[in-house]
Protein backbone atom coordinates (compact mmCIF):
# COMPACT_ATOMS: atom_id res chain seq x y z
CA MET A 1 33.31 65.66 146.94
CA SER A 2 34.84 67.30 149.99
CA THR A 3 36.13 70.86 150.14
CA ASN A 4 39.74 69.69 150.45
CA GLU A 5 39.45 67.52 147.35
CA THR A 6 37.92 70.42 145.42
CA GLU A 7 40.75 72.73 146.50
CA ASN A 8 43.33 70.10 145.57
CA ASN A 9 41.76 69.61 142.15
CA ASN A 10 41.64 73.35 141.56
CA GLY A 11 45.27 73.64 142.69
CA PHE A 12 46.36 70.87 140.35
CA ARG A 13 44.50 72.41 137.42
CA GLY A 14 46.10 75.78 138.27
CA LEU A 15 49.57 74.24 138.22
CA VAL A 16 48.88 72.58 134.86
CA ILE A 17 47.60 75.84 133.38
CA ARG A 18 50.56 77.78 134.78
CA GLY A 19 52.91 75.15 133.39
CA ILE A 20 51.36 75.40 129.92
CA LEU A 21 51.51 79.21 130.04
CA THR A 22 55.14 79.02 131.12
CA VAL A 23 56.04 76.77 128.19
CA VAL A 24 54.20 79.07 125.79
CA ALA A 25 55.92 82.17 127.22
CA VAL A 26 59.40 80.64 127.01
CA PHE A 27 58.70 79.23 123.53
CA ALA A 28 57.42 82.60 122.27
CA TYR A 29 60.38 84.43 123.84
CA GLY A 30 62.85 82.06 122.18
CA TRP A 31 61.24 82.20 118.75
CA ILE A 32 60.92 85.99 118.71
CA ASN A 33 64.59 86.41 119.60
CA TYR A 34 65.61 83.65 117.22
CA LEU A 35 63.87 85.44 114.34
CA LEU A 36 65.20 88.88 115.29
CA ASN A 37 68.79 87.80 115.99
CA PRO A 38 69.96 87.61 112.33
CA VAL A 39 68.42 91.01 111.69
CA ALA A 40 70.19 92.44 114.74
CA THR A 41 73.57 90.97 113.74
CA LEU A 42 73.37 92.30 110.18
CA GLY A 43 71.99 95.67 111.27
CA ALA A 44 74.67 96.27 113.89
CA GLY A 45 77.44 95.47 111.45
CA LYS A 46 76.08 97.65 108.66
CA ILE A 47 75.38 100.65 110.87
CA ALA A 48 78.77 100.42 112.60
CA VAL A 49 80.74 101.18 109.43
CA LYS A 50 79.26 104.69 109.38
CA GLN A 51 81.80 105.51 112.08
CA PHE A 52 84.44 105.66 109.32
CA GLU A 53 82.61 108.47 107.52
CA SER A 54 83.74 112.08 107.95
CA SER A 55 80.33 113.14 109.22
CA ASP A 56 78.97 114.07 112.65
CA SER A 57 75.48 112.89 111.78
CA ALA A 58 76.83 109.53 110.58
CA TYR A 59 78.55 109.03 113.94
CA VAL A 60 75.37 109.85 115.88
CA MET A 61 73.36 107.52 113.68
CA SER A 62 75.88 104.72 114.17
CA GLN A 63 75.77 105.00 117.97
CA PHE A 64 71.98 104.94 118.16
CA GLY A 65 71.81 102.20 115.56
CA MET A 66 74.35 99.93 117.28
CA ASN A 67 72.59 100.30 120.64
CA PHE A 68 69.25 99.53 119.02
CA PHE A 69 70.41 96.46 117.13
CA SER A 70 72.58 95.08 119.91
CA ASN A 71 69.48 94.86 122.10
CA LEU A 72 66.97 94.04 119.40
CA GLY A 73 64.61 91.36 120.66
CA VAL A 74 62.57 90.61 123.74
CA PRO A 75 64.67 91.40 126.81
CA VAL A 76 64.97 88.61 129.34
CA ILE A 77 63.47 90.90 131.96
CA VAL A 78 60.18 90.84 130.02
CA LEU A 79 60.17 87.04 130.12
CA LEU A 80 60.87 87.11 133.85
CA VAL A 81 58.02 89.55 134.47
CA VAL A 82 55.65 87.28 132.54
CA LEU A 83 56.82 84.23 134.47
CA VAL A 84 56.44 86.04 137.78
CA TRP A 85 52.92 87.07 136.80
CA ILE A 86 52.06 83.45 135.87
CA TRP A 87 53.46 82.04 139.11
CA TRP A 88 52.76 84.97 141.40
CA LYS A 89 50.04 83.29 143.48
CA PRO A 90 52.13 80.20 144.33
CA LEU A 91 55.22 82.35 144.89
CA LYS A 92 53.30 84.68 147.17
CA SER A 93 52.15 81.73 149.27
CA LEU A 94 55.71 80.37 149.46
CA ILE A 95 57.11 83.74 150.45
CA LYS A 96 54.49 84.15 153.19
CA SER A 97 55.13 80.68 154.47
CA GLY A 98 58.91 81.34 154.46
CA GLY A 99 59.56 78.64 151.87
CA VAL A 100 61.51 80.93 149.52
CA PRO A 101 63.15 84.05 150.96
CA LEU A 102 62.42 87.21 149.01
CA ALA A 103 66.18 87.99 148.83
CA VAL A 104 66.79 84.78 146.86
CA ILE A 105 64.15 85.72 144.28
CA ILE A 106 65.63 89.21 143.87
CA PHE A 107 69.12 87.75 143.47
CA VAL A 108 67.93 85.31 140.80
CA LEU A 109 66.16 88.09 138.91
CA LEU A 110 69.19 90.36 138.99
CA ALA A 111 71.57 87.59 138.01
CA SER A 112 69.37 86.48 135.16
CA THR A 113 69.18 89.91 133.59
CA GLN A 114 72.96 90.13 133.00
CA ALA A 115 74.31 89.41 129.54
CA PHE A 116 77.97 88.51 129.21
CA ALA A 117 80.41 89.16 126.44
CA TYR A 118 83.20 86.70 125.76
CA TYR A 119 85.81 89.41 125.60
CA ASP A 120 84.99 91.35 128.77
CA LYS A 121 82.26 89.48 130.67
CA THR A 122 79.70 92.21 130.03
CA ASP A 123 78.44 94.40 127.23
CA TYR A 124 80.68 97.38 127.82
CA ALA A 125 81.75 99.65 124.98
CA GLU A 126 84.78 98.27 123.15
CA PRO A 127 86.66 101.19 121.57
CA TYR A 128 89.78 101.18 119.40
CA PHE A 129 91.70 104.31 118.36
CA ILE A 130 93.00 104.24 114.78
CA LEU A 131 96.36 106.00 114.43
CA PRO A 132 97.46 108.12 111.43
CA ASN A 133 99.90 105.41 110.28
CA GLU A 134 97.20 102.71 110.32
CA SER A 135 94.57 101.57 107.84
CA ALA A 136 91.50 99.92 109.35
CA PHE A 137 89.01 97.49 107.84
CA PHE A 138 85.72 96.46 109.44
CA ILE A 139 84.38 93.14 108.18
CA GLN A 140 80.98 91.81 109.24
CA ASP A 141 80.85 88.29 110.62
CA VAL A 142 77.87 87.31 108.50
CA GLY A 143 75.93 88.33 105.43
CA ASP A 144 77.30 90.18 102.42
CA ASN A 145 80.65 91.02 103.98
CA LYS A 146 82.26 91.47 100.56
CA ASN A 147 80.26 94.52 99.48
CA ASP A 148 79.56 95.83 102.97
CA GLN A 149 83.17 96.04 104.12
CA ALA A 150 84.35 99.50 105.12
CA LYS A 151 87.85 100.97 105.26
CA PHE A 152 89.31 103.90 107.12
CA GLY A 153 92.57 105.27 105.76
CA SER A 154 94.47 108.50 105.42
CA GLU A 155 94.66 109.12 101.67
CA GLU A 156 91.66 111.46 101.50
CA TYR A 157 92.82 113.29 104.61
CA LEU A 158 96.30 113.65 103.10
CA ARG A 159 94.92 115.30 99.98
CA ALA A 160 93.25 117.88 102.20
CA ASN A 161 96.39 118.30 104.36
CA LYS A 162 94.61 116.74 107.33
CA ILE A 163 95.64 114.01 109.76
CA ALA A 164 93.55 110.84 109.80
CA ALA A 165 92.75 109.39 113.22
CA LYS A 166 89.49 108.10 114.68
CA ARG A 167 87.96 106.19 117.56
CA TYR A 168 85.98 103.17 116.47
CA ILE A 169 83.45 101.30 118.62
CA ILE A 170 83.14 97.58 117.97
CA PRO A 171 79.43 96.69 117.65
CA HIS A 172 78.04 93.75 119.65
CA THR A 173 75.00 91.57 119.33
CA LYS A 174 73.67 88.58 121.24
CA LEU A 175 74.64 85.16 120.02
CA GLU A 176 71.55 82.98 119.87
CA ASN A 177 71.54 79.81 121.98
CA SER A 178 74.75 80.79 123.76
CA GLY A 179 73.20 80.93 127.25
CA PHE A 180 70.42 79.40 129.31
CA PHE A 181 68.34 82.39 130.34
CA SER A 182 70.37 85.08 128.62
CA ASN A 183 72.51 84.86 125.47
CA PHE A 184 76.08 86.16 125.37
CA TYR A 185 77.15 89.34 123.60
CA VAL A 186 79.65 88.85 120.80
CA PRO A 187 81.12 91.15 118.11
CA SER A 188 78.97 91.47 115.00
CA GLY A 189 82.12 92.06 112.96
CA ARG A 190 85.90 92.30 113.27
CA LEU A 191 88.21 95.29 113.03
CA ILE A 192 91.48 94.55 111.20
CA ILE A 193 94.40 96.96 111.52
CA VAL A 194 97.25 97.32 109.01
CA ASP A 195 100.30 99.21 110.28
CA ARG A 196 101.74 101.26 107.40
CA THR A 197 104.83 102.56 109.26
CA PRO A 198 107.68 102.87 106.69
CA TYR A 199 110.72 100.60 106.97
CA ASN A 200 114.41 101.24 106.38
CA ARG A 201 117.43 99.11 107.19
CA GLU A 202 121.17 98.72 106.63
CA TRP A 203 121.81 94.99 106.41
CA VAL A 204 125.57 94.70 106.90
CA ALA A 205 127.96 92.20 108.49
CA SER A 206 129.71 94.61 110.86
CA ALA A 207 128.47 94.89 114.44
CA ALA A 208 129.84 98.45 114.63
CA ARG A 209 127.48 99.83 111.99
CA GLY A 210 124.21 99.04 110.32
CA THR A 211 120.77 98.83 111.87
CA SER A 212 121.50 95.82 114.05
CA THR A 213 124.55 94.57 115.95
CA LYS A 214 123.94 91.14 114.44
CA ASN A 215 125.73 89.94 111.34
CA GLU A 216 123.15 90.76 108.67
CA GLY A 217 125.44 90.73 105.65
CA PHE A 218 124.63 88.71 102.54
CA PRO A 219 127.09 85.86 101.83
CA VAL A 220 127.40 85.02 98.11
CA GLN A 221 129.88 83.25 95.82
CA SER A 222 131.47 84.03 92.49
CA LYS A 223 131.42 81.62 89.56
CA GLU A 224 134.76 80.19 90.78
CA GLY A 225 133.34 79.61 94.28
CA LEU A 226 135.13 82.51 95.99
CA ASN A 227 133.28 83.88 99.03
CA ILE A 228 132.00 87.46 98.96
CA THR A 229 129.96 89.27 101.63
CA VAL A 230 127.97 92.39 100.72
CA GLY A 231 125.79 94.89 102.60
CA ILE A 232 122.48 96.38 101.52
CA ALA A 233 120.64 99.63 102.33
CA ILE A 234 116.89 99.41 101.74
CA ALA A 235 113.66 101.29 102.46
CA THR A 236 110.06 100.22 101.80
CA SER A 237 106.50 101.29 102.63
CA VAL A 238 102.88 100.21 102.23
CA THR A 239 100.50 102.66 100.60
CA GLU A 240 96.88 102.85 101.61
CA ASP A 241 95.77 101.47 98.24
CA ASP A 242 98.12 98.50 98.62
CA SER A 243 97.17 97.69 102.23
CA PRO A 244 94.46 95.13 101.24
CA ARG A 245 96.95 93.27 99.03
CA PHE A 246 99.58 93.38 101.79
CA LEU A 247 97.03 92.11 104.31
CA PHE A 248 95.86 89.34 101.98
CA ARG A 249 99.42 88.15 101.34
CA PHE A 250 100.79 88.23 104.90
CA GLY A 251 97.62 87.94 107.00
CA VAL A 252 97.09 88.85 110.64
CA LYS A 253 98.73 87.81 113.88
CA PRO A 254 96.69 84.92 115.34
CA PRO A 255 95.20 85.75 118.73
CA ALA A 256 96.95 84.11 121.65
CA GLY A 257 95.26 81.15 123.29
CA ASP A 258 93.13 78.16 122.33
CA ARG A 259 91.22 78.96 119.16
CA THR A 260 88.38 76.67 120.22
CA LYS A 261 87.64 78.84 123.26
CA PRO A 262 85.00 81.58 123.03
CA GLU A 263 87.32 84.30 124.35
CA VAL A 264 89.63 83.62 121.37
CA ILE A 265 86.94 82.87 118.77
CA PHE A 266 85.31 86.24 119.40
CA THR A 267 88.43 88.40 119.37
CA SER A 268 87.26 91.78 118.12
CA VAL A 269 90.47 93.42 116.84
CA TYR A 270 93.09 91.70 114.71
CA ASN A 271 96.47 93.26 113.90
CA GLY A 272 98.00 92.53 110.53
CA ARG A 273 101.66 91.57 110.34
CA ASN A 274 103.69 94.75 110.26
CA LEU A 275 106.21 95.73 107.63
CA THR A 276 109.20 95.18 109.93
CA GLU A 277 108.29 91.52 110.47
CA VAL A 278 107.82 90.94 106.75
CA MET A 279 111.00 92.75 105.68
CA ASP A 280 113.24 91.07 108.25
CA SER A 281 112.07 87.63 107.17
CA VAL A 282 110.43 87.10 103.78
CA VAL A 283 111.89 90.09 101.91
CA LYS A 284 115.41 89.71 103.34
CA ASP A 285 115.43 86.13 102.10
CA LYS A 286 114.26 87.34 98.68
CA VAL A 287 117.14 89.83 98.52
CA GLN A 288 119.55 87.05 99.47
CA ALA A 289 118.26 84.87 96.63
CA LEU A 290 118.48 87.67 94.05
CA LEU A 291 122.03 88.60 95.07
CA GLY A 292 123.11 84.96 94.99
CA ASN A 293 121.78 84.53 91.47
CA GLU A 294 123.62 87.62 90.23
CA PHE A 295 127.00 86.74 91.73
CA THR A 296 127.11 83.03 90.90
CA LYS A 297 126.82 83.72 87.16
CA ARG A 298 129.78 86.12 87.23
CA SER A 299 133.49 85.50 87.71
CA PHE A 300 135.25 87.10 90.64
CA ASP A 301 136.67 89.93 88.52
CA GLU A 302 133.32 90.47 86.78
CA ALA A 303 131.49 90.69 90.11
CA ASN A 304 133.80 93.50 91.22
CA ALA A 305 133.67 95.30 87.92
CA GLN A 306 129.90 94.97 87.43
CA ALA A 307 128.62 96.02 90.88
CA GLU A 308 126.36 98.66 89.35
CA GLN A 309 124.76 96.22 86.91
CA ILE A 310 124.23 93.71 89.72
CA MET A 311 122.38 96.25 91.85
CA THR A 312 120.26 97.41 88.92
CA SER A 313 119.15 93.85 88.25
CA VAL A 314 118.40 93.20 91.94
CA GLN A 315 116.38 96.41 92.20
CA THR A 316 114.32 95.63 89.09
CA ASN A 317 113.44 92.09 90.18
CA LEU A 318 112.83 93.00 93.83
CA GLU A 319 110.57 95.90 92.90
CA LYS A 320 108.54 93.61 90.66
CA TYR A 321 108.13 91.03 93.44
CA LEU A 322 107.25 93.56 96.17
CA LYS A 323 104.54 95.13 94.02
CA THR A 324 102.73 91.78 93.83
CA VAL A 325 102.55 91.59 97.65
CA GLY A 326 101.52 95.20 98.31
CA ILE A 327 104.90 96.72 99.22
CA THR A 328 106.52 99.75 97.59
CA LEU A 329 110.32 99.75 97.22
CA ASP A 330 111.51 103.27 98.06
CA TYR A 331 115.20 102.61 97.45
CA ILE A 332 117.89 99.90 97.57
CA GLY A 333 121.67 100.11 97.17
CA TRP A 334 125.05 98.95 98.44
CA ALA A 335 125.62 99.75 102.11
CA ASP A 336 129.16 98.39 102.54
CA THR A 337 132.34 97.42 100.71
CA PHE A 338 132.61 93.90 99.34
CA GLU A 339 134.33 91.63 101.83
CA PHE A 340 136.37 88.52 100.91
CA ASP A 341 138.27 85.77 102.71
CA LYS A 342 141.57 87.15 104.13
CA SER A 343 143.77 85.14 101.77
CA VAL A 344 141.77 86.37 98.79
CA GLN A 345 141.92 89.97 100.01
CA ASP A 346 145.69 89.77 100.48
CA ALA A 347 146.11 88.39 96.96
CA ILE A 348 143.93 91.18 95.57
CA ASN A 349 146.04 93.77 97.38
CA ARG A 350 149.31 92.30 96.04
CA ARG A 351 147.97 92.13 92.52
CA TYR A 352 146.72 95.69 92.68
CA ILE A 353 150.09 96.99 93.92
CA SER A 354 151.99 95.13 91.20
CA ILE A 355 149.61 96.43 88.54
CA GLN A 356 150.10 99.98 89.77
CA ASP A 357 153.89 99.58 89.84
CA GLU A 358 153.84 98.26 86.31
CA ALA A 359 151.68 101.14 85.17
CA ILE A 360 154.05 103.67 86.74
CA ALA A 361 157.09 102.00 85.11
CA LEU A 362 155.43 102.07 81.69
CA LYS A 363 154.64 105.75 82.05
CA LEU A 364 158.22 106.62 83.02
CA SER A 365 160.02 104.38 80.49
CA PRO A 366 160.34 107.09 77.77
CA HIS A 367 162.14 109.34 80.27
CA THR A 368 164.73 106.83 81.61
CA HIS A 369 167.85 108.65 80.26
CA THR A 370 166.66 111.98 81.61
CA ILE A 371 166.01 110.50 85.05
CA GLN A 372 169.45 108.84 85.09
CA ALA A 373 171.19 112.08 84.10
CA LEU A 374 169.33 114.01 86.79
CA ALA A 375 170.25 111.37 89.34
CA ALA A 376 173.95 111.54 88.32
CA ALA A 377 174.01 115.31 88.63
CA GLU A 378 172.32 115.17 92.05
CA ALA A 379 174.88 112.54 93.19
CA LEU A 380 177.84 114.69 92.10
CA ARG A 381 176.48 117.74 93.88
CA SER A 382 175.93 115.69 97.00
CA PHE A 383 179.49 114.29 96.77
CA GLY A 384 180.97 117.74 96.32
CA ASN A 385 179.13 119.07 99.35
CA LYS A 386 180.19 116.25 101.65
CA THR A 387 183.73 115.13 100.45
CA ASP A 388 186.87 115.55 102.62
CA GLY A 389 189.12 115.72 99.58
CA LYS A 390 189.76 112.01 99.28
CA LEU A 391 188.12 109.81 96.74
CA PRO A 392 185.92 106.97 98.07
CA THR A 393 187.25 103.48 97.60
CA ASN A 394 183.90 101.74 97.12
CA VAL A 395 181.05 103.50 95.33
CA SER A 396 178.06 101.89 93.64
CA LEU A 397 177.43 103.53 90.30
CA TRP A 398 174.68 101.26 88.97
CA TRP A 399 172.33 104.11 88.51
CA LEU A 400 174.56 105.97 85.99
CA PRO A 401 174.67 105.37 82.23
CA SER A 402 177.24 102.75 81.32
CA GLY A 403 179.84 105.13 79.85
CA ILE A 404 179.79 107.48 82.82
CA SER A 405 179.80 104.68 85.35
CA ASP A 406 182.92 103.13 83.71
CA PHE A 407 184.71 106.47 83.80
CA PHE A 408 183.95 107.14 87.44
CA GLY A 409 184.65 103.54 88.31
CA GLY A 410 188.19 103.94 87.00
CA LEU A 411 188.68 107.07 89.03
CA PHE A 412 187.58 105.40 92.23
CA LYS A 413 189.94 102.42 91.88
CA PRO A 414 192.78 102.26 94.43
CA GLY A 415 195.86 104.15 93.22
CA SER A 416 193.95 106.07 90.63
CA GLU A 417 195.05 109.32 92.25
CA ASN A 418 198.73 108.60 91.19
CA VAL A 419 197.95 108.15 87.51
CA THR A 420 199.36 110.95 85.37
CA PRO A 421 197.69 111.87 82.21
CA ALA A 422 199.50 111.09 78.97
CA LYS A 423 201.37 113.86 77.27
CA LYS A 424 200.33 114.97 73.90
């Protein structure tokens, strides 16, 4: 066998051996990371919740732990070093011969060592600052995320007259089989924020007052079908203990975008629906329903007379409903006068005036004779002060008692001044 054939055979066997070693190296790299990935995902999530604790040592432990678990496994650079070692002799010959420029190899190595996160293209720190009016929940993506959930709230701080606020770092781990040479970084759990900012509103029809310039009054009807519009003042809040119930009932705001895309699937922070959104929609409709039920079973007069009972019933039923969805009713009451159709309002005004007139007349009826006598005396004084010595020819004496009016009527008849009294 010639020297060239021997060299060719040795070269072929070398390529086969290098190929087998390459397959083994890649296979071993994949299996090691595959086995360590679940451990890394669970570990990162469990250690991250220590950030909620009021402890300096817990924070330090969480930072070291998250960094350790997020990179747990065989780094891709180790695989590349092994592959370069296996193929170094052929690569060296290619580089010397100019077949593969050294710059290309360096570029490939650098590019292959990057790991990308769906949310920010790289594994940068992803912080979120929790405000005093917020409750935060961290829920692991996998594993026992019922018992391992953690919550950060302000109740314990409040008892100690302290303000609750904290920066939280979202932990990341690599998602197995998400890349060719290097897997992508994804959150190992999700941070859910509940905004507990209190809510208060004046829902009225007038654009000149109330919380909004829109017509937010509540239209209802009496038993007879007469239209009535009322206004409501209301205030609510969500306590820290009720925030899980509130979150369960009303959920979170879905992230914008296509939910089949990785950048949406791996959203790290979700914001729960805030109290303003819930009150201006679901709860306002509930108040409308409760008011409607109270007014339609009462007549028009009963609705006006029983305003206090109506509000008491609405408050009781609304408070009961809100408690089931994690909301505390701070107060509720009337915020405006009852409004009616113009024709109905005019009729009410006329009826009220007539009732008042009748009441006044009934009160004065026992004193009619006294009032008439006083009026007669006042009229005579006025006549005496203003007369020119001649008797008037036309005087209305309806207001005097009948006997007196007849007497004065005779005096004021034409020619009465010439009548001489009869002699005794």
